[in-house]
Protein backbone atom coordinates (compact mmCIF):
# COMPACT_ATOMS: atom_id res chain seq x y z
CA MET A 1 -0.92 -4.00 8.31
CA ILE A 2 -2.72 -2.77 5.18
CA ILE A 3 -4.70 0.46 5.72
CA ASN A 4 -6.22 1.22 2.29
CA GLN A 5 -5.59 1.12 -1.46
CA VAL A 6 -3.96 4.29 -2.77
CA GLY A 7 -3.15 3.41 -6.37
CA GLU A 8 -3.04 1.06 -9.32
CA GLY A 9 0.42 0.44 -10.74
CA THR A 10 1.24 -0.82 -14.22
CA PHE A 11 1.24 -4.43 -13.00
CA GLY A 12 -0.41 -4.38 -9.58
CA GLN A 13 -2.39 -2.58 -6.88
CA VAL A 14 -0.67 -0.18 -4.44
CA TYR A 15 -1.70 0.02 -0.76
CA LYS A 16 -0.80 2.18 2.18
CA ALA A 17 0.34 0.00 5.08
CA ARG A 18 1.92 0.36 8.51
CA ASN A 19 5.07 -1.41 9.65
CA LEU A 20 3.94 -2.91 12.99
CA VAL A 21 7.50 -2.91 14.35
CA THR A 22 8.55 0.69 13.49
CA ASN A 23 5.00 2.16 13.13
CA ALA A 24 6.21 3.84 9.89
CA SER A 25 3.93 4.12 6.86
CA VAL A 26 5.00 2.23 3.75
CA ALA A 27 3.54 1.55 0.32
CA LEU A 28 2.88 -2.09 -0.65
CA LYS A 29 2.78 -2.86 -4.35
CA ARG A 30 1.12 -6.23 -4.88
CA ILE A 31 2.56 -8.09 -7.84
CA ARG A 32 -0.01 -9.78 -10.02
CA THR A 33 0.91 -13.43 -10.59
CA GLU A 34 -2.56 -14.82 -11.49
CA ALA A 35 -1.93 -14.87 -15.25
CA GLU A 36 1.68 -16.08 -15.01
CA LYS A 37 2.34 -19.67 -16.07
CA GLU A 38 6.01 -19.41 -15.13
CA GLY A 39 5.39 -18.15 -11.59
CA PHE A 40 6.98 -14.79 -10.82
CA PRO A 41 6.36 -12.29 -13.70
CA VAL A 42 9.41 -11.13 -15.65
CA THR A 43 8.01 -7.59 -15.71
CA ALA A 44 8.10 -7.45 -11.88
CA MET A 45 11.60 -8.92 -11.82
CA ARG A 46 12.70 -6.18 -14.17
CA GLU A 47 11.10 -3.45 -12.02
CA ILE A 48 12.74 -4.82 -8.86
CA LYS A 49 16.15 -4.99 -10.56
CA LEU A 50 15.76 -1.40 -11.81
CA LEU A 51 14.77 -0.03 -8.42
CA GLN A 52 17.62 -1.83 -6.71
CA SER A 53 20.03 -0.05 -9.04
CA LEU A 54 18.53 3.41 -8.32
CA LYS A 55 19.37 5.38 -5.17
CA HIS A 56 18.35 9.02 -5.51
CA GLU A 57 16.37 11.52 -3.47
CA ASN A 58 13.94 12.07 -6.36
CA ILE A 59 13.24 8.39 -7.09
CA VAL A 60 11.02 6.30 -4.84
CA SER A 61 13.01 3.77 -2.75
CA LEU A 62 12.45 0.02 -2.69
CA ILE A 63 12.83 -1.01 0.95
CA GLU A 64 12.43 -4.78 0.67
CA MET A 65 10.36 -7.62 -0.83
CA MET A 66 7.69 -9.43 1.14
CA VAL A 67 5.56 -12.59 0.76
CA SER A 68 2.20 -12.82 2.53
CA ASN A 69 -0.53 -15.44 2.01
CA GLY A 70 1.03 -16.51 -1.31
CA SER A 71 1.16 -12.91 -2.64
CA TYR A 72 4.35 -11.03 -3.44
CA TYR A 73 4.72 -7.38 -2.43
CA MET A 74 7.28 -4.67 -3.09
CA VAL A 75 7.70 -2.57 0.08
CA LEU A 76 8.31 1.04 -1.00
CA GLU A 77 8.69 4.31 0.87
CA TYR A 78 5.29 5.94 1.34
CA MET A 79 4.46 9.31 -0.26
CA ASP A 80 1.44 11.35 0.87
CA HIS A 81 0.23 12.49 -2.55
CA ASP A 82 0.63 12.18 -6.28
CA LEU A 83 0.51 15.07 -8.74
CA THR A 84 -2.89 14.17 -10.19
CA GLY A 85 -4.42 13.88 -6.75
CA ILE A 86 -2.87 17.00 -5.22
CA PHE A 87 -4.18 19.15 -8.05
CA SER A 88 -7.72 18.00 -7.28
CA GLN A 89 -7.65 19.59 -3.79
CA SER A 90 -8.31 23.29 -3.09
CA GLN A 91 -6.68 23.74 0.36
CA PHE A 92 -3.20 24.57 -0.90
CA ASN A 93 -2.10 26.67 -3.87
CA PHE A 94 1.40 26.23 -5.29
CA ASN A 95 3.27 29.48 -5.92
CA ASP A 96 5.81 29.98 -8.74
CA ALA A 97 8.74 29.04 -6.47
CA ASN A 98 6.98 25.78 -5.54
CA LEU A 99 6.29 24.91 -9.19
CA LYS A 100 9.90 25.60 -10.09
CA SER A 101 11.04 23.29 -7.29
CA LEU A 102 8.73 20.46 -8.37
CA CYS A 103 9.91 20.82 -11.99
CA HIS A 104 13.58 20.81 -10.95
CA GLN A 105 13.10 17.76 -8.71
CA MET A 106 11.39 15.87 -11.55
CA LEU A 107 14.29 16.69 -13.88
CA ALA A 108 16.87 15.73 -11.23
CA GLY A 109 15.20 12.31 -10.89
CA LEU A 110 15.16 11.91 -14.68
CA ALA A 111 18.81 12.98 -15.01
CA HIS A 112 19.81 10.24 -12.56
CA LEU A 113 17.61 7.68 -14.30
CA HIS A 114 19.05 8.44 -17.73
CA HIS A 115 22.62 8.56 -16.35
CA LYS A 116 22.00 4.98 -15.13
CA GLY A 117 20.89 3.98 -18.65
CA ILE A 118 17.17 3.64 -17.85
CA ILE A 119 14.11 4.99 -19.74
CA HIS A 120 11.00 5.34 -17.55
CA ARG A 121 8.41 5.12 -20.42
CA ASP A 122 5.39 5.94 -18.25
CA LEU A 123 5.81 9.44 -16.80
CA LYS A 124 2.43 10.97 -15.91
CA GLY A 125 0.81 12.78 -13.01
CA SER A 126 -0.12 9.68 -11.03
CA ASN A 127 3.49 8.42 -11.19
CA ILE A 128 4.92 11.68 -9.81
CA LEU A 129 4.71 11.35 -6.02
CA ILE A 130 4.99 14.19 -3.48
CA ASN A 131 5.23 14.10 0.31
CA ASN A 132 4.26 16.70 2.90
CA ARG A 133 7.84 17.95 3.06
CA GLY A 134 7.53 19.04 -0.56
CA GLU A 135 9.81 16.32 -1.88
CA LEU A 136 9.00 14.87 -5.34
CA LYS A 137 9.88 11.32 -6.39
CA LEU A 138 9.40 9.36 -9.64
CA ALA A 139 7.54 6.08 -9.21
CA ASP A 140 6.10 3.04 -11.05
CA PHE A 141 8.91 1.51 -13.09
CA GLY A 142 6.73 -1.29 -14.52
CA LEU A 143 7.39 -0.17 -18.10
CA ALA A 144 10.95 1.07 -17.63
CA ARG A 145 13.84 -0.45 -19.60
CA PHE A 146 17.60 -0.35 -19.61
CA TYR A 147 18.93 1.14 -22.84
CA GLN A 148 22.27 1.16 -24.63
CA LYS A 149 23.72 4.69 -24.61
CA ARG A 150 25.97 4.01 -27.61
CA ARG A 151 23.28 2.54 -29.82
CA LYS A 152 19.52 2.87 -29.69
CA MET A 153 17.53 -0.34 -29.28
CA ASP A 154 14.30 -1.48 -30.89
CA TYR A 155 11.36 -1.21 -28.46
CA THR A 156 7.58 -1.26 -28.62
CA ASN A 157 5.89 2.09 -29.31
CA ARG A 158 2.84 1.05 -27.29
CA VAL A 159 4.14 2.68 -24.12
CA ILE A 160 3.61 5.94 -22.25
CA THR A 161 0.04 6.94 -21.41
CA LEU A 162 -1.48 8.58 -24.50
CA TRP A 163 -1.66 12.16 -23.18
CA TYR A 164 2.08 12.07 -22.42
CA ARG A 165 3.25 10.09 -25.44
CA PRO A 166 5.69 11.87 -27.79
CA PRO A 167 4.85 12.35 -31.49
CA GLU A 168 7.57 10.01 -32.76
CA LEU A 169 5.93 7.07 -30.98
CA LEU A 170 2.52 8.13 -32.37
CA PHE A 171 4.13 7.98 -35.81
CA GLY A 172 5.31 4.42 -35.15
CA ALA A 173 8.93 4.88 -34.04
CA THR A 174 10.44 1.81 -32.36
CA VAL A 175 14.04 3.02 -32.09
CA TYR A 176 14.26 5.60 -29.30
CA GLY A 177 15.98 6.57 -26.07
CA PRO A 178 15.51 8.85 -23.06
CA GLU A 179 14.20 11.71 -25.21
CA VAL A 180 10.74 10.08 -24.99
CA ASP A 181 10.75 10.78 -21.24
CA MET A 182 11.68 14.42 -21.88
CA TRP A 183 8.51 14.97 -23.96
CA SER A 184 6.48 13.53 -21.05
CA ALA A 185 8.38 15.87 -18.69
CA GLY A 186 7.36 18.80 -20.89
CA CYS A 187 3.72 17.72 -20.66
CA ILE A 188 4.02 17.51 -16.86
CA MET A 189 5.70 20.92 -16.66
CA LEU A 190 2.68 22.44 -18.41
CA GLU A 191 0.38 20.49 -16.10
CA LEU A 192 2.12 21.99 -13.06
CA TYR A 193 0.99 25.42 -14.21
CA THR A 194 -2.46 24.62 -15.64
CA LYS A 195 -3.43 21.95 -13.03
CA LYS A 196 -4.67 19.57 -15.73
CA PRO A 197 -3.20 17.51 -18.60
CA VAL A 198 -2.78 19.74 -21.64
CA PHE A 199 -2.78 17.27 -24.54
CA GLN A 200 -5.99 15.27 -23.94
CA GLY A 201 -6.47 13.12 -27.05
CA ASN A 202 -9.04 10.32 -27.46
CA ASP A 203 -6.88 8.08 -29.67
CA GLU A 204 -3.52 8.24 -31.43
CA ILE A 205 -4.74 10.32 -34.42
CA HIS A 206 -6.68 12.72 -32.24
CA GLN A 207 -3.69 13.00 -29.88
CA LEU A 208 -1.53 14.31 -32.71
CA GLU A 209 -4.27 16.79 -33.71
CA VAL A 210 -4.46 18.10 -30.13
CA VAL A 211 -0.69 18.62 -30.11
CA TYR A 212 -0.80 20.38 -33.51
CA ARG A 213 -3.47 22.80 -32.28
CA ILE A 214 -1.16 24.00 -29.53
CA ILE A 215 2.40 23.86 -30.83
CA GLY A 216 1.65 23.89 -34.56
CA THR A 217 1.93 21.30 -37.32
CA PRO A 218 5.40 19.79 -37.73
CA THR A 219 7.17 20.38 -41.05
CA PRO A 220 10.25 18.62 -42.48
CA ASP A 221 12.28 21.75 -41.66
CA ARG A 222 11.16 21.65 -38.04
CA TRP A 223 11.33 17.86 -37.75
CA PRO A 224 13.61 16.34 -40.47
CA GLY A 225 13.24 12.76 -39.16
CA MET A 226 9.45 12.81 -39.43
CA LEU A 227 9.46 11.72 -43.11
CA ASN A 228 11.20 8.43 -42.28
CA LEU A 229 8.85 7.29 -39.52
CA PRO A 230 6.87 4.05 -40.19
CA TRP A 231 3.37 5.54 -40.17
CA TYR A 232 4.14 8.98 -41.60
CA GLU A 233 2.49 8.41 -44.99
CA LEU A 234 -0.55 6.92 -43.30
CA ILE A 235 -1.23 9.67 -40.78
CA LYS A 236 0.75 12.70 -41.98
CA PRO A 237 -0.85 16.05 -41.18
CA ARG A 238 -3.23 17.31 -43.85
CA ASP A 239 -3.44 21.00 -42.84
CA GLN A 240 -0.89 23.46 -41.58
CA VAL A 241 -1.79 24.78 -38.13
CA PRO A 242 0.24 27.71 -36.68
CA ASN A 243 2.02 27.53 -33.34
CA HIS A 244 -0.19 29.02 -30.58
CA PHE A 245 1.95 27.88 -27.66
CA ARG A 246 3.03 31.29 -26.38
CA SER A 247 -0.37 32.94 -26.68
CA ILE A 248 -1.97 30.04 -24.81
CA PHE A 249 0.48 29.71 -21.90
CA ALA A 250 1.59 33.32 -21.38
CA LYS A 251 -1.14 33.82 -18.73
CA TRP A 252 0.38 31.03 -16.60
CA MET A 253 4.09 30.96 -17.37
CA SER A 254 7.01 33.36 -17.55
CA PRO A 255 8.96 33.73 -20.84
CA SER A 256 11.85 31.62 -19.45
CA ALA A 257 9.43 28.91 -18.25
CA MET A 258 7.91 28.79 -21.75
CA ASP A 259 11.42 28.64 -23.26
CA LEU A 260 12.18 25.51 -21.26
CA ALA A 261 8.80 23.89 -22.01
CA GLU A 262 9.30 24.46 -25.75
CA LYS A 263 12.75 22.80 -25.58
CA LEU A 264 11.22 19.80 -23.79
CA LEU A 265 8.44 19.63 -26.40
CA ASP A 266 10.68 19.88 -29.45
CA TYR A 267 9.25 17.75 -32.28
CA GLU A 268 12.76 16.62 -33.35
CA PRO A 269 13.78 13.99 -30.73
CA THR A 270 17.48 14.51 -31.37
CA GLN A 271 17.11 18.24 -30.58
CA ARG A 272 14.96 17.77 -27.46
CA ILE A 273 16.75 19.07 -24.36
CA ASN A 274 17.98 16.43 -21.91
CA ALA A 275 17.36 16.51 -18.15
CA THR A 276 20.84 17.70 -17.18
CA GLN A 277 20.76 20.55 -19.70
CA ALA A 278 17.24 21.50 -18.64
CA MET A 279 18.35 22.06 -15.03
CA LEU A 280 20.86 24.66 -16.29
CA GLU A 281 18.27 26.73 -18.13
CA PRO A 282 17.73 30.42 -17.15
CA TYR A 283 14.34 29.44 -15.72
CA PHE A 284 16.20 27.77 -12.83
CA ILE A 285 19.56 29.63 -12.79
CA GLU A 286 18.59 33.28 -13.39
CA GLU A 287 14.84 33.84 -13.04
CA GLN A 288 13.28 34.95 -9.76
CA PRO A 289 11.91 33.63 -7.51
CA PRO A 290 14.34 30.77 -6.79
CA ALA A 291 12.94 27.26 -6.36
CA GLU A 292 11.32 26.56 -2.99
CA LYS A 293 9.83 23.24 -1.87
CA PRO A 294 6.06 23.35 -1.12
CA VAL A 295 6.46 22.63 2.59
CA GLY A 296 3.00 24.09 3.19
CA LEU A 297 1.60 20.72 2.03
CA ALA A 298 2.08 19.60 5.65
CA ASP A 299 -1.06 21.62 6.50
CA VAL A 300 -3.24 19.91 3.87
CA LYS A 301 -5.90 17.69 5.36
CA GLY A 302 -6.01 14.18 3.93
CA GLU A 303 -3.83 12.42 1.41
CA TRP A 304 -4.43 13.03 -2.27
CA HIS A 305 -3.83 10.36 -4.92
CA GLU A 306 -5.36 9.86 -8.37
CA LEU A 307 -7.37 6.88 -7.11
CA GLU A 308 -9.01 8.91 -4.31
CA SER A 309 -9.72 11.88 -6.62
CA LYS A 310 -11.40 9.50 -9.14
CA MET A 311 -13.54 8.06 -6.34
CA GLU A 312 -14.46 11.57 -5.18
CA ARG A 313 -15.51 12.58 -8.70
CA ALA A 314 -17.57 9.38 -9.00
CA LYS A 315 -19.34 10.21 -5.70
CA LYS A 316 -20.15 13.71 -6.91
CA ARG A 317 -21.55 12.31 -10.19
CA ARG A 318 -23.74 9.86 -8.29
CA ARG A 319 -25.09 12.63 -6.08
CA LYS A 320 -25.99 14.74 -9.13
CA GLU A 321 -27.78 11.92 -10.96
CA PRO A 322 -31.46 11.51 -9.93
CA ASN A 323 -31.52 7.75 -9.62
CA GLY A 324 -28.06 7.38 -8.19
CA SER A 325 -26.82 5.62 -11.31
CA SER A 326 -23.52 6.68 -12.74
CA SER A 327 -21.62 6.22 -15.95
CA THR A 328 -17.93 5.41 -15.84
CA GLY A 329 -15.51 7.49 -17.85
CA GLN A 330 -12.43 5.78 -19.23
CA HIS A 331 -9.01 7.35 -18.85
CA PRO A 332 -6.82 6.93 -21.88
CA THR A 333 -3.95 4.51 -21.49
């Protein structure tokens, strides 16, 4: 029984539903088939195959497939919140131990994903799910791909939501591997502390400028491979901007947290820290306090997802506007 819509996946809507036999909550992801001439979309087949190969506590589980009234659904475990949604509520504040736990769980999920030879290619706040037990799981594998560990494949660079897209893709790279996910993980780590996306560009060029203003302009010394990227001559940086990362984030993050974030956000993809290495950083191993799951989420009223927080913001805008009319803002994709 469908209860309500809670999200919009890469290739279909996501609903909260109840299993009438067990009474358990599940997530139903409806697979769009309207535009498919061949029937079942190959993108959905790929996502199902990927999820069937992944069994990990920090990756959302595919329970089964279901057909109802001619529509296909993926039945997934239900999670109470997503990162974007939970940061829009004011009932519960995450402490440093909670943030460390969420970051570690995200990296553990990524380490398993990459060990299995899979790149996610769409890590962002709304695809990081959290339940009321403080458990974090990666979700929405609609853009994910298997990759060859021994040789890098040629892929599209039109992936990863703009605010989380690494510079090499913005410069036109089509040969890449799991390091693109690690840049996105660095963006999400900063978001855990600041409660909002840090690199908010309007288009590809502006996105690079936003990154430069925070971590400085890349140079050939800092990023040797930059000169060989397809669009480098077209969009290379004109001015040298210094690195302001530490002065900006020191009010939120400890020195060891900033150390890890900088390694995740290394311009040079081959030098970017991987998920397994990241979990062995002093931030997790040495620094106090130790990681602690945010179990206090159990006391939060309601369920918080990006879709609901968008609707709540729209309601507030309508209330503020004299005639009840509202303009719709577009989220970069």
